[in-house]
Amino acid sequence: QLEEMRNNPRDWRIEQLQTVARQFGMMVRCAGGSHHVFSHEVVTDIVSIPARRPIKPVYVRKFVALVDKIKESQA
């Protein structure tokens, strides 16, 4: 799914991002219900994504960039 997100950042749901986040050991917080906050202990960055659908491509790109940083730090 990560490569699919990278190639086409449109039409993703928050549940799909959560699935990818779990695969990489990310923490997910629901901040007040309107946003989901993704983070990981090995990087200082966090990504906050509005929970409404559809998720705008800019947020999907930020999420993919965060996953890439996590992968780099674990390599």
N, C-alpha and C. Protein backbone atom coordinates (compact mmCIF):
# COMPACT_ATOMS: atom_id res chain seq x y z
N GLN A 1 0.81 -1.21 0.00
CA GLN A 1 0.00 0.00 0.00
C GLN A 1 0.85 1.27 0.00
N LEU A 2 2.00 1.21 0.65
CA LEU A 2 2.85 2.40 0.72
C LEU A 2 3.26 2.87 -0.67
N GLU A 3 3.68 1.94 -1.53
CA GLU A 3 4.08 2.32 -2.89
C GLU A 3 2.90 2.86 -3.68
N GLU A 4 1.73 2.29 -3.45
CA GLU A 4 0.53 2.79 -4.12
C GLU A 4 0.25 4.23 -3.68
N MET A 5 0.43 4.51 -2.39
CA MET A 5 0.23 5.87 -1.88
C MET A 5 1.25 6.83 -2.50
N ARG A 6 2.48 6.35 -2.63
CA ARG A 6 3.53 7.18 -3.20
C ARG A 6 3.21 7.52 -4.67
N ASN A 7 2.72 6.53 -5.41
CA ASN A 7 2.44 6.71 -6.84
C ASN A 7 1.14 7.46 -7.10
N ASN A 8 0.16 7.31 -6.21
CA ASN A 8 -1.13 7.97 -6.40
C ASN A 8 -1.65 8.41 -5.03
N PRO A 9 -1.36 9.66 -4.63
CA PRO A 9 -1.75 10.11 -3.29
C PRO A 9 -3.22 10.52 -3.17
N ARG A 10 -4.05 10.13 -4.10
CA ARG A 10 -5.47 10.50 -4.07
C ARG A 10 -6.34 9.35 -3.59
N ASP A 11 -7.47 9.70 -3.00
CA ASP A 11 -8.53 8.75 -2.65
C ASP A 11 -8.13 7.70 -1.61
N TRP A 12 -7.44 8.12 -0.57
CA TRP A 12 -7.10 7.21 0.53
C TRP A 12 -7.97 7.54 1.73
N ARG A 13 -8.25 6.51 2.53
CA ARG A 13 -9.03 6.69 3.75
C ARG A 13 -8.10 6.59 4.96
N ILE A 14 -8.54 7.19 6.05
CA ILE A 14 -7.71 7.22 7.27
C ILE A 14 -7.43 5.80 7.76
N GLU A 15 -8.37 4.89 7.57
CA GLU A 15 -8.16 3.49 8.00
C GLU A 15 -6.99 2.86 7.26
N GLN A 16 -6.84 3.21 5.99
CA GLN A 16 -5.72 2.66 5.21
C GLN A 16 -4.39 3.21 5.70
N LEU A 17 -4.36 4.49 6.06
CA LEU A 17 -3.14 5.06 6.61
C LEU A 17 -2.80 4.42 7.95
N GLN A 18 -3.82 4.15 8.75
CA GLN A 18 -3.60 3.50 10.04
C GLN A 18 -3.00 2.10 9.86
N THR A 19 -3.45 1.38 8.85
CA THR A 19 -2.92 0.04 8.57
C THR A 19 -1.44 0.12 8.24
N VAL A 20 -1.06 1.04 7.37
CA VAL A 20 0.35 1.22 7.02
C VAL A 20 1.14 1.65 8.26
N ALA A 21 0.58 2.55 9.05
CA ALA A 21 1.26 3.03 10.26
C ALA A 21 1.58 1.87 11.20
N ARG A 22 0.63 0.97 11.37
CA ARG A 22 0.86 -0.20 12.25
C ARG A 22 2.00 -1.07 11.72
N GLN A 23 2.09 -1.21 10.41
CA GLN A 23 3.15 -2.04 9.82
C GLN A 23 4.54 -1.49 10.14
N PHE A 24 4.63 -0.19 10.36
CA PHE A 24 5.93 0.43 10.64
C PHE A 24 6.08 0.82 12.11
N GLY A 25 5.18 0.35 12.96
CA GLY A 25 5.29 0.59 14.40
C GLY A 25 5.02 2.02 14.81
N MET A 26 4.24 2.73 14.02
CA MET A 26 3.92 4.12 14.34
C MET A 26 2.83 4.20 15.39
N MET A 27 2.84 5.31 16.12
CA MET A 27 1.78 5.57 17.09
C MET A 27 0.74 6.47 16.42
N VAL A 28 -0.52 6.21 16.71
CA VAL A 28 -1.60 7.00 16.12
C VAL A 28 -2.45 7.54 17.26
N ARG A 29 -2.62 8.85 17.28
CA ARG A 29 -3.48 9.50 18.27
C ARG A 29 -4.63 10.17 17.54
N CYS A 30 -5.79 10.10 18.12
CA CYS A 30 -6.93 10.84 17.58
C CYS A 30 -7.08 12.10 18.42
N ALA A 31 -6.59 13.21 17.90
CA ALA A 31 -6.58 14.47 18.65
C ALA A 31 -7.94 15.15 18.53
N GLY A 32 -8.78 14.94 19.50
CA GLY A 32 -10.08 15.60 19.51
C GLY A 32 -11.05 15.09 18.47
N GLY A 33 -10.68 14.01 17.81
CA GLY A 33 -11.60 13.41 16.85
C GLY A 33 -11.54 13.98 15.45
N SER A 34 -11.02 15.22 15.30
CA SER A 34 -11.01 15.82 13.97
C SER A 34 -9.72 15.53 13.19
N HIS A 35 -8.66 15.16 13.90
CA HIS A 35 -7.39 14.86 13.27
C HIS A 35 -6.81 13.57 13.85
N HIS A 36 -6.02 12.89 13.04
CA HIS A 36 -5.23 11.76 13.51
C HIS A 36 -3.78 12.19 13.45
N VAL A 37 -3.04 11.92 14.52
CA VAL A 37 -1.64 12.34 14.61
C VAL A 37 -0.77 11.09 14.58
N PHE A 38 0.12 11.04 13.58
CA PHE A 38 1.01 9.90 13.40
C PHE A 38 2.41 10.28 13.85
N SER A 39 3.05 9.39 14.62
CA SER A 39 4.41 9.65 15.09
C SER A 39 5.13 8.32 15.30
N HIS A 40 6.43 8.43 15.54
CA HIS A 40 7.25 7.23 15.80
C HIS A 40 8.39 7.64 16.71
N GLU A 41 8.82 6.73 17.56
CA GLU A 41 9.84 7.06 18.56
C GLU A 41 11.21 7.34 17.96
N VAL A 42 11.50 6.87 16.74
CA VAL A 42 12.84 7.06 16.18
C VAL A 42 12.99 8.36 15.38
N VAL A 43 11.88 9.07 15.14
CA VAL A 43 11.98 10.36 14.44
C VAL A 43 11.23 11.42 15.24
N THR A 44 11.65 12.66 15.09
CA THR A 44 11.01 13.74 15.85
C THR A 44 9.78 14.30 15.14
N ASP A 45 9.65 14.01 13.87
CA ASP A 45 8.53 14.55 13.09
C ASP A 45 7.21 13.91 13.50
N ILE A 46 6.15 14.69 13.37
CA ILE A 46 4.79 14.14 13.50
C ILE A 46 3.99 14.64 12.30
N VAL A 47 2.98 13.89 11.94
CA VAL A 47 2.09 14.28 10.85
C VAL A 47 0.67 14.25 11.38
N SER A 48 -0.02 15.39 11.24
CA SER A 48 -1.40 15.50 11.67
C SER A 48 -2.28 15.54 10.42
N ILE A 49 -3.25 14.62 10.36
CA ILE A 49 -4.08 14.48 9.16
C ILE A 49 -5.55 14.63 9.54
N PRO A 50 -6.26 15.53 8.85
CA PRO A 50 -7.70 15.64 9.11
C PRO A 50 -8.41 14.32 8.83
N ALA A 51 -9.32 13.94 9.70
CA ALA A 51 -9.96 12.64 9.59
C ALA A 51 -11.07 12.60 8.53
N ARG A 52 -11.48 13.77 8.02
CA ARG A 52 -12.57 13.74 7.06
C ARG A 52 -12.09 13.19 5.71
N ARG A 53 -13.06 12.66 4.95
CA ARG A 53 -12.72 12.08 3.65
C ARG A 53 -13.11 13.01 2.53
N PRO A 54 -12.48 12.94 1.39
CA PRO A 54 -11.24 12.18 1.17
C PRO A 54 -10.04 12.95 1.73
N ILE A 55 -8.98 12.23 2.01
CA ILE A 55 -7.76 12.86 2.52
C ILE A 55 -7.07 13.54 1.35
N LYS A 56 -6.72 14.79 1.52
CA LYS A 56 -6.07 15.53 0.44
C LYS A 56 -4.68 14.95 0.17
N PRO A 57 -4.28 14.96 -1.12
CA PRO A 57 -2.97 14.37 -1.49
C PRO A 57 -1.78 14.95 -0.71
N VAL A 58 -1.83 16.23 -0.34
CA VAL A 58 -0.71 16.82 0.39
C VAL A 58 -0.47 16.08 1.71
N TYR A 59 -1.54 15.64 2.38
CA TYR A 59 -1.39 14.92 3.64
C TYR A 59 -0.85 13.51 3.41
N VAL A 60 -1.28 12.88 2.34
CA VAL A 60 -0.78 11.54 2.02
C VAL A 60 0.72 11.61 1.73
N ARG A 61 1.15 12.65 1.01
CA ARG A 61 2.58 12.81 0.72
C ARG A 61 3.38 13.02 2.01
N LYS A 62 2.85 13.80 2.94
CA LYS A 62 3.53 14.01 4.23
C LYS A 62 3.63 12.70 5.00
N PHE A 63 2.56 11.91 4.96
CA PHE A 63 2.55 10.61 5.64
C PHE A 63 3.62 9.69 5.04
N VAL A 64 3.69 9.62 3.72
CA VAL A 64 4.68 8.78 3.04
C VAL A 64 6.10 9.25 3.38
N ALA A 65 6.31 10.56 3.44
CA ALA A 65 7.63 11.10 3.80
C ALA A 65 8.01 10.70 5.22
N LEU A 66 7.04 10.69 6.12
CA LEU A 66 7.31 10.27 7.50
C LEU A 66 7.71 8.79 7.54
N VAL A 67 7.00 7.96 6.80
CA VAL A 67 7.34 6.53 6.74
C VAL A 67 8.75 6.35 6.18
N ASP A 68 9.10 7.12 5.15
CA ASP A 68 10.44 7.04 4.58
C ASP A 68 11.51 7.40 5.61
N LYS A 69 11.27 8.43 6.41
CA LYS A 69 12.22 8.80 7.46
C LYS A 69 12.39 7.69 8.48
N ILE A 70 11.29 7.05 8.83
CA ILE A 70 11.33 5.94 9.78
C ILE A 70 12.17 4.80 9.20
N LYS A 71 11.92 4.47 7.94
CA LYS A 71 12.67 3.39 7.29
C LYS A 71 14.16 3.72 7.24
N GLU A 72 14.51 4.97 6.93
CA GLU A 72 15.91 5.39 6.88
C GLU A 72 16.60 5.25 8.23
N SER A 73 15.89 5.66 9.29
CA SER A 73 16.49 5.64 10.61
C SER A 73 16.67 4.22 11.14
N GLN A 74 15.89 3.30 10.61
CA GLN A 74 15.99 1.91 11.07
C GLN A 74 16.96 1.10 10.23
N ALA A 75 17.41 1.66 9.13
CA ALA A 75 18.31 0.92 8.22
C ALA A 75 19.73 0.87 8.75
